[in-house]
Amino acid sequence: WFKNRRARLKRQKSGTKAKSPDLATSKRDWPTVYNNRRFMGNSLSR
């Protein structure tokens, strides 16, 4: 509880809150990573 309360106080003092990553952006990047892996796999097999 004290550990969490100190972290909350630190966030309050800095005036920001930790933000989670934007899921829409993250999901948009997934196909690129997947396609690159598939491409690399195909080129290696050749």
All heavy atoms as atom14 arrays in JSON, in Angstrom:
{
  "sequence": "WFKNRRARLKRQKSGTKAKSPDLATSKRDWPTVYNNRRFMGNSLSR",
  "atom14_mask": [
    [1, 1, 1, 1, 1, 1, 1, 1, 1, 1, 1, 1, 1, 1],
    [1, 1, 1, 1, 1, 1, 1, 1, 1, 1, 1, 0, 0, 0],
    [1, 1, 1, 1, 1, 1, 1, 1, 1, 0, 0, 0, 0, 0],
    [1, 1, 1, 1, 1, 1, 1, 1, 0, 0, 0, 0, 0, 0],
    [1, 1, 1, 1, 1, 1, 1, 1, 1, 1, 1, 0, 0, 0],
    [1, 1, 1, 1, 1, 1, 1, 1, 1, 1, 1, 0, 0, 0],
    [1, 1, 1, 1, 1, 0, 0, 0, 0, 0, 0, 0, 0, 0],
    [1, 1, 1, 1, 1, 1, 1, 1, 1, 1, 1, 0, 0, 0],
    [1, 1, 1, 1, 1, 1, 1, 1, 0, 0, 0, 0, 0, 0],
    [1, 1, 1, 1, 1, 1, 1, 1, 1, 0, 0, 0, 0, 0],
    [1, 1, 1, 1, 1, 1, 1, 1, 1, 1, 1, 0, 0, 0],
    [1, 1, 1, 1, 1, 1, 1, 1, 1, 0, 0, 0, 0, 0],
    [1, 1, 1, 1, 1, 1, 1, 1, 1, 0, 0, 0, 0, 0],
    [1, 1, 1, 1, 1, 1, 0, 0, 0, 0, 0, 0, 0, 0],
    [1, 1, 1, 1, 0, 0, 0, 0, 0, 0, 0, 0, 0, 0],
    [1, 1, 1, 1, 1, 1, 1, 0, 0, 0, 0, 0, 0, 0],
    [1, 1, 1, 1, 1, 1, 1, 1, 1, 0, 0, 0, 0, 0],
    [1, 1, 1, 1, 1, 0, 0, 0, 0, 0, 0, 0, 0, 0],
    [1, 1, 1, 1, 1, 1, 1, 1, 1, 0, 0, 0, 0, 0],
    [1, 1, 1, 1, 1, 1, 0, 0, 0, 0, 0, 0, 0, 0],
    [1, 1, 1, 1, 1, 1, 1, 0, 0, 0, 0, 0, 0, 0],
    [1, 1, 1, 1, 1, 1, 1, 1, 0, 0, 0, 0, 0, 0],
    [1, 1, 1, 1, 1, 1, 1, 1, 0, 0, 0, 0, 0, 0],
    [1, 1, 1, 1, 1, 0, 0, 0, 0, 0, 0, 0, 0, 0],
    [1, 1, 1, 1, 1, 1, 1, 0, 0, 0, 0, 0, 0, 0],
    [1, 1, 1, 1, 1, 1, 0, 0, 0, 0, 0, 0, 0, 0],
    [1, 1, 1, 1, 1, 1, 1, 1, 1, 0, 0, 0, 0, 0],
    [1, 1, 1, 1, 1, 1, 1, 1, 1, 1, 1, 0, 0, 0],
    [1, 1, 1, 1, 1, 1, 1, 1, 0, 0, 0, 0, 0, 0],
    [1, 1, 1, 1, 1, 1, 1, 1, 1, 1, 1, 1, 1, 1],
    [1, 1, 1, 1, 1, 1, 1, 0, 0, 0, 0, 0, 0, 0],
    [1, 1, 1, 1, 1, 1, 1, 0, 0, 0, 0, 0, 0, 0],
    [1, 1, 1, 1, 1, 1, 1, 0, 0, 0, 0, 0, 0, 0],
    [1, 1, 1, 1, 1, 1, 1, 1, 1, 1, 1, 1, 0, 0],
    [1, 1, 1, 1, 1, 1, 1, 1, 0, 0, 0, 0, 0, 0],
    [1, 1, 1, 1, 1, 1, 1, 1, 0, 0, 0, 0, 0, 0],
    [1, 1, 1, 1, 1, 1, 1, 1, 1, 1, 1, 0, 0, 0],
    [1, 1, 1, 1, 1, 1, 1, 1, 1, 1, 1, 0, 0, 0],
    [1, 1, 1, 1, 1, 1, 1, 1, 1, 1, 1, 0, 0, 0],
    [1, 1, 1, 1, 1, 1, 1, 1, 0, 0, 0, 0, 0, 0],
    [1, 1, 1, 1, 0, 0, 0, 0, 0, 0, 0, 0, 0, 0],
    [1, 1, 1, 1, 1, 1, 1, 1, 0, 0, 0, 0, 0, 0],
    [1, 1, 1, 1, 1, 1, 0, 0, 0, 0, 0, 0, 0, 0],
    [1, 1, 1, 1, 1, 1, 1, 1, 0, 0, 0, 0, 0, 0],
    [1, 1, 1, 1, 1, 1, 0, 0, 0, 0, 0, 0, 0, 0],
    [1, 1, 1, 1, 1, 1, 1, 1, 1, 1, 1, 0, 0, 0]
  ],
  "atom14_positions": [
    [[0.84, -1.2, 0.0], [0.0, 0.0, 0.0], [0.88, 1.25, 0.0], [0.63, 2.19, -0.76], [-0.93, 0.01, 1.22], [-1.89, 1.16, 1.19], [-3.13, 1.18, 0.66], [-1.65, 2.49, 1.71], [-3.7, 2.42, 0.8], [-2.81, 3.25, 1.44], [-0.59, 3.11, 2.36], [-2.94, 4.59, 1.8], [-0.7, 4.44, 2.71], [-1.87, 5.18, 2.44]],
    [[1.92, 1.27, 0.84], [2.82, 2.43, 0.9], [3.57, 2.6, -0.41], [3.76, 3.73, -0.89], [3.78, 2.33, 2.09], [3.18, 2.9, 3.34], [2.4, 2.12, 4.17], [3.37, 4.24, 3.67], [1.82, 2.65, 5.32], [2.8, 4.78, 4.82], [2.02, 3.99, 5.64], [0.0, 0.0, 0.0], [0.0, 0.0, 0.0], [0.0, 0.0, 0.0]],
    [[3.99, 1.52, -1.0], [4.69, 1.6, -2.29], [3.77, 2.22, -3.34], [4.18, 3.12, -4.09], [5.11, 0.19, -2.72], [5.8, 0.11, -4.04], [6.12, -1.32, -4.38], [6.64, -1.44, -5.79], [6.82, -2.83, -6.19], [0.0, 0.0, 0.0], [0.0, 0.0, 0.0], [0.0, 0.0, 0.0], [0.0, 0.0, 0.0], [0.0, 0.0, 0.0]],
    [[2.54, 1.76, -3.41], [1.58, 2.28, -4.38], [1.2, 3.73, -4.07], [1.03, 4.55, -4.98], [0.32, 1.41, -4.42], [0.58, 0.05, -5.01], [1.54, -0.14, -5.75], [-0.25, -0.91, -4.67], [0.0, 0.0, 0.0], [0.0, 0.0, 0.0], [0.0, 0.0, 0.0], [0.0, 0.0, 0.0], [0.0, 0.0, 0.0], [0.0, 0.0, 0.0]],
    [[1.1, 4.06, -2.8], [0.72, 5.43, -2.41], [1.83, 6.41, -2.77], [1.56, 7.53, -3.21], [0.43, 5.46, -0.91], [-0.08, 6.78, -0.38], [-1.42, 7.16, -1.01], [-1.93, 8.4, -0.48], [-1.58, 9.61, -0.92], [-0.73, 9.72, -1.93], [-2.1, 10.68, -0.38], [0.0, 0.0, 0.0], [0.0, 0.0, 0.0], [0.0, 0.0, 0.0]],
    [[3.1, 6.0, -2.6], [4.21, 6.86, -3.01], [4.2, 7.08, -4.51], [4.44, 8.19, -4.99], [5.55, 6.25, -2.56], [5.81, 6.35, -1.08], [7.23, 5.95, -0.73], [7.56, 4.59, -1.11], [7.42, 3.53, -0.32], [6.94, 3.67, 0.9], [7.76, 2.33, -0.74], [0.0, 0.0, 0.0], [0.0, 0.0, 0.0], [0.0, 0.0, 0.0]],
    [[3.91, 6.04, -5.27], [3.84, 6.16, -6.73], [2.71, 7.09, -7.13], [2.87, 7.92, -8.04], [3.64, 4.78, -7.36], [0.0, 0.0, 0.0], [0.0, 0.0, 0.0], [0.0, 0.0, 0.0], [0.0, 0.0, 0.0], [0.0, 0.0, 0.0], [0.0, 0.0, 0.0], [0.0, 0.0, 0.0], [0.0, 0.0, 0.0], [0.0, 0.0, 0.0]],
    [[1.57, 6.99, -6.46], [0.43, 7.88, -6.76], [0.79, 9.33, -6.45], [0.48, 10.23, -7.22], [-0.81, 7.45, -5.98], [-2.02, 8.28, -6.32], [-3.3, 7.75, -5.72], [-3.12, 7.24, -4.38], [-4.06, 7.26, -3.44], [-5.23, 7.76, -3.7], [-3.82, 6.77, -2.25], [0.0, 0.0, 0.0], [0.0, 0.0, 0.0], [0.0, 0.0, 0.0]],
    [[1.47, 9.55, -5.32], [1.89, 10.91, -4.96], [2.85, 11.48, -6.0], [2.73, 12.64, -6.4], [2.55, 10.9, -3.57], [3.04, 12.26, -3.07], [1.88, 13.22, -2.88], [3.81, 12.07, -1.77], [0.0, 0.0, 0.0], [0.0, 0.0, 0.0], [0.0, 0.0, 0.0], [0.0, 0.0, 0.0], [0.0, 0.0, 0.0], [0.0, 0.0, 0.0]],
    [[3.76, 10.66, -6.46], [4.72, 11.1, -7.48], [4.0, 11.49, -8.77], [4.32, 12.5, -9.38], [5.73, 9.97, -7.74], [6.84, 10.35, -8.68], [7.81, 9.2, -8.82], [8.92, 9.54, -9.8], [9.85, 8.42, -9.98], [0.0, 0.0, 0.0], [0.0, 0.0, 0.0], [0.0, 0.0, 0.0], [0.0, 0.0, 0.0], [0.0, 0.0, 0.0]],
    [[3.02, 10.67, -9.18], [2.23, 11.0, -10.37], [1.47, 12.29, -10.19], [1.4, 13.13, -11.09], [1.23, 9.89, -10.69], [1.79, 8.74, -11.48], [0.71, 7.86, -12.06], [-0.39, 7.55, -11.17], [-0.46, 6.49, -10.37], [0.51, 5.62, -10.36], [-1.5, 6.31, -9.59], [0.0, 0.0, 0.0], [0.0, 0.0, 0.0], [0.0, 0.0, 0.0]],
    [[0.89, 12.48, -9.01], [0.11, 13.69, -8.74], [1.0, 14.93, -8.77], [0.6, 15.97, -9.28], [-0.6, 13.58, -7.39], [-1.74, 12.6, -7.38], [-2.3, 12.35, -5.98], [-1.65, 12.66, -4.98], [-3.47, 11.77, -5.91], [0.0, 0.0, 0.0], [0.0, 0.0, 0.0], [0.0, 0.0, 0.0], [0.0, 0.0, 0.0], [0.0, 0.0, 0.0]],
    [[2.21, 14.81, -8.24], [3.13, 15.94, -8.23], [3.59, 16.3, -9.64], [3.78, 17.47, -9.95], [4.34, 15.64, -7.35], [4.05, 15.76, -5.88], [5.3, 15.54, -5.06], [5.02, 15.74, -3.59], [6.22, 15.52, -2.77], [0.0, 0.0, 0.0], [0.0, 0.0, 0.0], [0.0, 0.0, 0.0], [0.0, 0.0, 0.0], [0.0, 0.0, 0.0]],
    [[3.79, 15.3, -10.47], [4.26, 15.57, -11.83], [3.11, 16.04, -12.72], [3.34, 16.57, -13.8], [4.92, 14.33, -12.44], [3.96, 13.33, -12.69], [0.0, 0.0, 0.0], [0.0, 0.0, 0.0], [0.0, 0.0, 0.0], [0.0, 0.0, 0.0], [0.0, 0.0, 0.0], [0.0, 0.0, 0.0], [0.0, 0.0, 0.0], [0.0, 0.0, 0.0]],
    [[1.87, 15.82, -12.27], [0.71, 16.28, -13.03], [0.36, 15.41, -14.21], [-0.47, 15.77, -15.03], [0.0, 0.0, 0.0], [0.0, 0.0, 0.0], [0.0, 0.0, 0.0], [0.0, 0.0, 0.0], [0.0, 0.0, 0.0], [0.0, 0.0, 0.0], [0.0, 0.0, 0.0], [0.0, 0.0, 0.0], [0.0, 0.0, 0.0], [0.0, 0.0, 0.0]],
    [[0.99, 14.26, -14.33], [0.67, 13.36, -15.44], [0.24, 12.02, -14.89], [0.52, 11.68, -13.75], [1.89, 13.14, -16.36], [2.94, 12.56, -15.59], [2.34, 14.43, -16.99], [0.0, 0.0, 0.0], [0.0, 0.0, 0.0], [0.0, 0.0, 0.0], [0.0, 0.0, 0.0], [0.0, 0.0, 0.0], [0.0, 0.0, 0.0], [0.0, 0.0, 0.0]],
    [[-0.42, 11.3, -15.72], [-0.85, 9.96, -15.37], [-0.26, 9.01, -16.4], [-0.22, 9.33, -17.58], [-2.37, 9.88, -15.38], [-2.93, 8.8, -14.53], [-4.43, 8.94, -14.39], [-4.94, 7.99, -13.34], [-6.35, 8.05, -13.17], [0.0, 0.0, 0.0], [0.0, 0.0, 0.0], [0.0, 0.0, 0.0], [0.0, 0.0, 0.0], [0.0, 0.0, 0.0]],
    [[0.2, 7.85, -15.96], [0.75, 6.89, -16.9], [-0.34, 6.48, -17.88], [-1.45, 6.13, -17.48], [1.27, 5.66, -16.15], [0.0, 0.0, 0.0], [0.0, 0.0, 0.0], [0.0, 0.0, 0.0], [0.0, 0.0, 0.0], [0.0, 0.0, 0.0], [0.0, 0.0, 0.0], [0.0, 0.0, 0.0], [0.0, 0.0, 0.0], [0.0, 0.0, 0.0]],
    [[-0.02, 6.57, -19.15], [-1.0, 6.23, -20.17], [-0.69, 4.87, -20.75], [0.47, 4.52, -20.96], [-0.99, 7.28, -21.28], [-1.49, 8.63, -20.83], [-1.55, 9.58, -21.99], [-2.09, 10.93, -21.54], [-2.2, 11.87, -22.64], [0.0, 0.0, 0.0], [0.0, 0.0, 0.0], [0.0, 0.0, 0.0], [0.0, 0.0, 0.0], [0.0, 0.0, 0.0]],
    [[-1.74, 4.12, -21.06], [-1.55, 2.84, -21.72], [-1.4, 3.11, -23.2], [-1.9, 4.1, -23.72], [-2.74, 1.92, -21.44], [-3.92, 2.53, -21.9], [0.0, 0.0, 0.0], [0.0, 0.0, 0.0], [0.0, 0.0, 0.0], [0.0, 0.0, 0.0], [0.0, 0.0, 0.0], [0.0, 0.0, 0.0], [0.0, 0.0, 0.0], [0.0, 0.0, 0.0]],
    [[-0.72, 2.23, -23.93], [-0.54, 2.45, -25.36], [-1.88, 2.44, -26.09], [-2.82, 1.77, -25.68], [0.33, 1.27, -25.81], [0.35, 0.31, -24.69], [-0.11, 1.02, -23.46], [0.0, 0.0, 0.0], [0.0, 0.0, 0.0], [0.0, 0.0, 0.0], [0.0, 0.0, 0.0], [0.0, 0.0, 0.0], [0.0, 0.0, 0.0], [0.0, 0.0, 0.0]],
    [[-1.94, 3.22, -27.14], [-3.16, 3.3, -27.94], [-3.33, 1.98, -28.67], [-2.51, 1.61, -29.52], [-3.04, 4.46, -28.93], [-4.28, 4.63, -29.77], [-5.32, 4.01, -29.45], [-4.21, 5.4, -30.75], [0.0, 0.0, 0.0], [0.0, 0.0, 0.0], [0.0, 0.0, 0.0], [0.0, 0.0, 0.0], [0.0, 0.0, 0.0], [0.0, 0.0, 0.0]],
    [[-4.39, 1.25, -28.37], [-4.61, -0.06, -28.98], [-4.82, 0.04, -30.48], [-4.4, -0.84, -31.22], [-5.8, -0.76, -28.31], [-5.58, -1.17, -26.87], [-6.83, -1.82, -26.3], [-4.41, -2.12, -26.74], [0.0, 0.0, 0.0], [0.0, 0.0, 0.0], [0.0, 0.0, 0.0], [0.0, 0.0, 0.0], [0.0, 0.0, 0.0], [0.0, 0.0, 0.0]],
    [[-5.47, 1.08, -30.95], [-5.69, 1.23, -32.38], [-4.35, 1.32, -33.11], [-4.15, 0.7, -34.15], [-6.54, 2.46, -32.66], [0.0, 0.0, 0.0], [0.0, 0.0, 0.0], [0.0, 0.0, 0.0], [0.0, 0.0, 0.0], [0.0, 0.0, 0.0], [0.0, 0.0, 0.0], [0.0, 0.0, 0.0], [0.0, 0.0, 0.0], [0.0, 0.0, 0.0]],
    [[-3.42, 2.09, -32.57], [-2.1, 2.22, -33.19], [-1.35, 0.91, -33.11], [-0.74, 0.48, -34.09], [-1.28, 3.32, -32.48], [-2.03, 4.53, -32.53], [0.07, 3.51, -33.13], [0.0, 0.0, 0.0], [0.0, 0.0, 0.0], [0.0, 0.0, 0.0], [0.0, 0.0, 0.0], [0.0, 0.0, 0.0], [0.0, 0.0, 0.0], [0.0, 0.0, 0.0]],
    [[-1.41, 0.26, -31.95], [-0.69, -1.0, -31.79], [-1.2, -2.05, -32.77], [-0.42, -2.73, -33.41], [-0.85, -1.52, -30.37], [-0.3, -0.61, -29.46], [0.0, 0.0, 0.0], [0.0, 0.0, 0.0], [0.0, 0.0, 0.0], [0.0, 0.0, 0.0], [0.0, 0.0, 0.0], [0.0, 0.0, 0.0], [0.0, 0.0, 0.0], [0.0, 0.0, 0.0]],
    [[-2.51, -2.16, -32.9], [-3.08, -3.16, -33.8], [-2.73, -2.83, -35.25], [-2.52, -3.73, -36.05], [-4.6, -3.23, -33.63], [-5.0, -3.91, -32.34], [-6.5, -4.0, -32.22], [-6.87, -4.68, -30.92], [-8.32, -4.76, -30.75], [0.0, 0.0, 0.0], [0.0, 0.0, 0.0], [0.0, 0.0, 0.0], [0.0, 0.0, 0.0], [0.0, 0.0, 0.0]],
    [[-2.66, -1.56, -35.58], [-2.33, -1.17, -36.94], [-0.9, -1.62, -37.27], [-0.6, -1.98, -38.4], [-2.46, 0.34, -37.1], [-2.24, 0.81, -38.53], [-2.45, 2.29, -38.67], [-1.5, 3.03, -37.83], [-1.83, 4.08, -37.1], [-3.05, 4.53, -37.08], [-0.92, 4.69, -36.37], [0.0, 0.0, 0.0], [0.0, 0.0, 0.0], [0.0, 0.0, 0.0]],
    [[-0.01, -1.63, -36.29], [1.37, -2.02, -36.53], [1.57, -3.53, -36.61], [2.56, -3.98, -37.15], [2.28, -1.45, -35.43], [2.36, 0.06, -35.49], [2.05, 0.62, -36.56], [2.72, 0.67, -34.47], [0.0, 0.0, 0.0], [0.0, 0.0, 0.0], [0.0, 0.0, 0.0], [0.0, 0.0, 0.0], [0.0, 0.0, 0.0], [0.0, 0.0, 0.0]],
    [[0.67, -4.29, -36.08], [0.84, -5.75, -36.05], [0.97, -6.36, -37.44], [1.85, -7.17, -37.65], [-0.29, -6.43, -35.3], [-0.28, -6.18, -33.82], [0.7, -5.58, -33.09], [-1.29, -6.51, -32.9], [0.36, -5.51, -31.77], [-0.86, -6.08, -31.62], [-2.52, -7.13, -33.01], [-1.63, -6.26, -30.49], [-3.28, -7.31, -31.88], [-2.84, -6.89, -30.63]],
    [[0.11, -6.03, -38.39], [0.24, -6.67, -39.7], [1.6, -6.41, -40.34], [2.16, -7.28, -40.99], [-0.87, -6.05, -40.54], [-1.86, -5.58, -39.54], [-1.07, -5.19, -38.34], [0.0, 0.0, 0.0], [0.0, 0.0, 0.0], [0.0, 0.0, 0.0], [0.0, 0.0, 0.0], [0.0, 0.0, 0.0], [0.0, 0.0, 0.0], [0.0, 0.0, 0.0]],
    [[2.17, -5.23, -40.13], [3.48, -4.91, -40.69], [4.53, -5.86, -40.13], [5.32, -6.42, -40.88], [3.85, -3.45, -40.37], [2.82, -2.61, -40.84], [5.17, -3.07, -41.0], [0.0, 0.0, 0.0], [0.0, 0.0, 0.0], [0.0, 0.0, 0.0], [0.0, 0.0, 0.0], [0.0, 0.0, 0.0], [0.0, 0.0, 0.0], [0.0, 0.0, 0.0]],
    [[4.5, -6.04, -38.83], [5.46, -6.95, -38.2], [5.24, -8.36, -38.71], [6.17, -9.06, -39.07], [5.33, -6.89, -36.65], [6.19, -7.96, -36.02], [5.71, -5.51, -36.16], [0.0, 0.0, 0.0], [0.0, 0.0, 0.0], [0.0, 0.0, 0.0], [0.0, 0.0, 0.0], [0.0, 0.0, 0.0], [0.0, 0.0, 0.0], [0.0, 0.0, 0.0]],
    [[3.98, -8.77, -38.77], [3.67, -10.12, -39.24], [4.11, -10.3, -40.68], [4.75, -11.28, -41.03], [2.16, -10.38, -39.11], [1.75, -11.72, -39.67], [2.01, -12.9, -39.0], [1.14, -11.78, -40.9], [1.65, -14.11, -39.54], [0.77, -12.99, -41.46], [1.03, -14.15, -40.76], [0.67, -15.35, -41.3], [0.0, 0.0, 0.0], [0.0, 0.0, 0.0]],
    [[3.8, -9.32, -41.53], [4.18, -9.43, -42.94], [5.69, -9.46, -43.11], [6.22, -10.18, -43.95], [3.58, -8.28, -43.76], [2.08, -8.43, -43.91], [1.56, -9.52, -43.81], [1.39, -7.32, -44.13], [0.0, 0.0, 0.0], [0.0, 0.0, 0.0], [0.0, 0.0, 0.0], [0.0, 0.0, 0.0], [0.0, 0.0, 0.0], [0.0, 0.0, 0.0]],
    [[6.41, -8.68, -42.32], [7.87, -8.69, -42.4], [8.42, -10.06, -42.01], [9.35, -10.56, -42.62], [8.48, -7.61, -41.53], [8.28, -6.22, -42.1], [7.95, -6.09, -43.28], [8.44, -5.21, -41.27], [0.0, 0.0, 0.0], [0.0, 0.0, 0.0], [0.0, 0.0, 0.0], [0.0, 0.0, 0.0], [0.0, 0.0, 0.0], [0.0, 0.0, 0.0]],
    [[7.86, -10.65, -41.0], [8.33, -11.97, -40.58], [8.05, -13.0, -41.67], [8.87, -13.85, -41.97], [7.65, -12.39, -39.27], [8.19, -11.68, -38.08], [7.57, -12.21, -36.82], [8.02, -11.42, -35.68], [7.4, -11.38, -34.54], [6.3, -12.07, -34.34], [7.86, -10.66, -33.56], [0.0, 0.0, 0.0], [0.0, 0.0, 0.0], [0.0, 0.0, 0.0]],
    [[6.87, -12.92, -42.24], [6.5, -13.88, -43.29], [7.43, -13.68, -44.48], [7.91, -14.63, -45.07], [5.04, -13.67, -43.69], [4.54, -14.76, -44.62], [3.09, -14.65, -44.89], [2.82, -13.38, -45.55], [1.64, -12.81, -45.63], [0.6, -13.39, -45.07], [1.48, -11.67, -46.24], [0.0, 0.0, 0.0], [0.0, 0.0, 0.0], [0.0, 0.0, 0.0]],
    [[7.7, -12.43, -44.82], [8.59, -12.14, -45.93], [9.98, -12.7, -45.66], [10.58, -13.33, -46.51], [8.66, -10.62, -46.17], [9.64, -10.24, -47.24], [9.34, -10.46, -48.58], [10.88, -9.71, -46.91], [10.25, -10.12, -49.57], [11.79, -9.38, -47.9], [11.47, -9.58, -49.23], [0.0, 0.0, 0.0], [0.0, 0.0, 0.0], [0.0, 0.0, 0.0]],
    [[10.47, -12.46, -44.46], [11.8, -12.95, -44.11], [11.82, -14.47, -44.16], [12.76, -15.06, -44.65], [12.21, -12.46, -42.72], [12.52, -10.98, -42.68], [12.91, -10.42, -41.02], [14.44, -11.29, -40.73], [0.0, 0.0, 0.0], [0.0, 0.0, 0.0], [0.0, 0.0, 0.0], [0.0, 0.0, 0.0], [0.0, 0.0, 0.0], [0.0, 0.0, 0.0]],
    [[10.75, -15.1, -43.69], [10.69, -16.56, -43.72], [10.71, -17.08, -45.14], [11.41, -18.03, -45.45], [0.0, 0.0, 0.0], [0.0, 0.0, 0.0], [0.0, 0.0, 0.0], [0.0, 0.0, 0.0], [0.0, 0.0, 0.0], [0.0, 0.0, 0.0], [0.0, 0.0, 0.0], [0.0, 0.0, 0.0], [0.0, 0.0, 0.0], [0.0, 0.0, 0.0]],
    [[9.97, -16.46, -46.02], [9.94, -16.9, -47.42], [11.28, -16.67, -48.1], [11.73, -17.51, -48.87], [8.83, -16.16, -48.19], [7.45, -16.63, -47.79], [7.33, -17.71, -47.23], [6.45, -15.83, -48.05], [0.0, 0.0, 0.0], [0.0, 0.0, 0.0], [0.0, 0.0, 0.0], [0.0, 0.0, 0.0], [0.0, 0.0, 0.0], [0.0, 0.0, 0.0]],
    [[11.92, -15.54, -47.83], [13.18, -15.26, -48.49], [14.27, -16.2, -47.97], [15.14, -16.61, -48.72], [13.6, -13.8, -48.31], [13.75, -13.5, -46.94], [0.0, 0.0, 0.0], [0.0, 0.0, 0.0], [0.0, 0.0, 0.0], [0.0, 0.0, 0.0], [0.0, 0.0, 0.0], [0.0, 0.0, 0.0], [0.0, 0.0, 0.0], [0.0, 0.0, 0.0]],
    [[14.2, -16.57, -46.7], [15.18, -17.51, -46.17], [15.01, -18.88, -46.79], [15.99, -19.56, -47.09], [15.07, -17.6, -44.64], [15.58, -16.39, -43.85], [15.3, -16.59, -42.37], [17.07, -16.2, -44.07], [0.0, 0.0, 0.0], [0.0, 0.0, 0.0], [0.0, 0.0, 0.0], [0.0, 0.0, 0.0], [0.0, 0.0, 0.0], [0.0, 0.0, 0.0]],
    [[13.77, -19.29, -47.0], [13.54, -20.62, -47.56], [14.06, -20.68, -49.0], [14.51, -21.72, -49.46], [12.07, -21.0, -47.49], [11.3, -20.09, -48.25], [0.0, 0.0, 0.0], [0.0, 0.0, 0.0], [0.0, 0.0, 0.0], [0.0, 0.0, 0.0], [0.0, 0.0, 0.0], [0.0, 0.0, 0.0], [0.0, 0.0, 0.0], [0.0, 0.0, 0.0]],
    [[14.02, -19.55, -49.71], [14.55, -19.53, -51.09], [16.08, -19.64, -51.09], [16.66, -20.17, -52.02], [14.12, -18.24, -51.78], [12.69, -18.27, -52.23], [12.38, -17.05, -53.07], [11.16, -16.5, -52.52], [10.88, -15.23, -52.39], [11.74, -14.32, -52.81], [9.77, -14.82, -51.87], [0.0, 0.0, 0.0], [0.0, 0.0, 0.0], [0.0, 0.0, 0.0]]
  ]
}
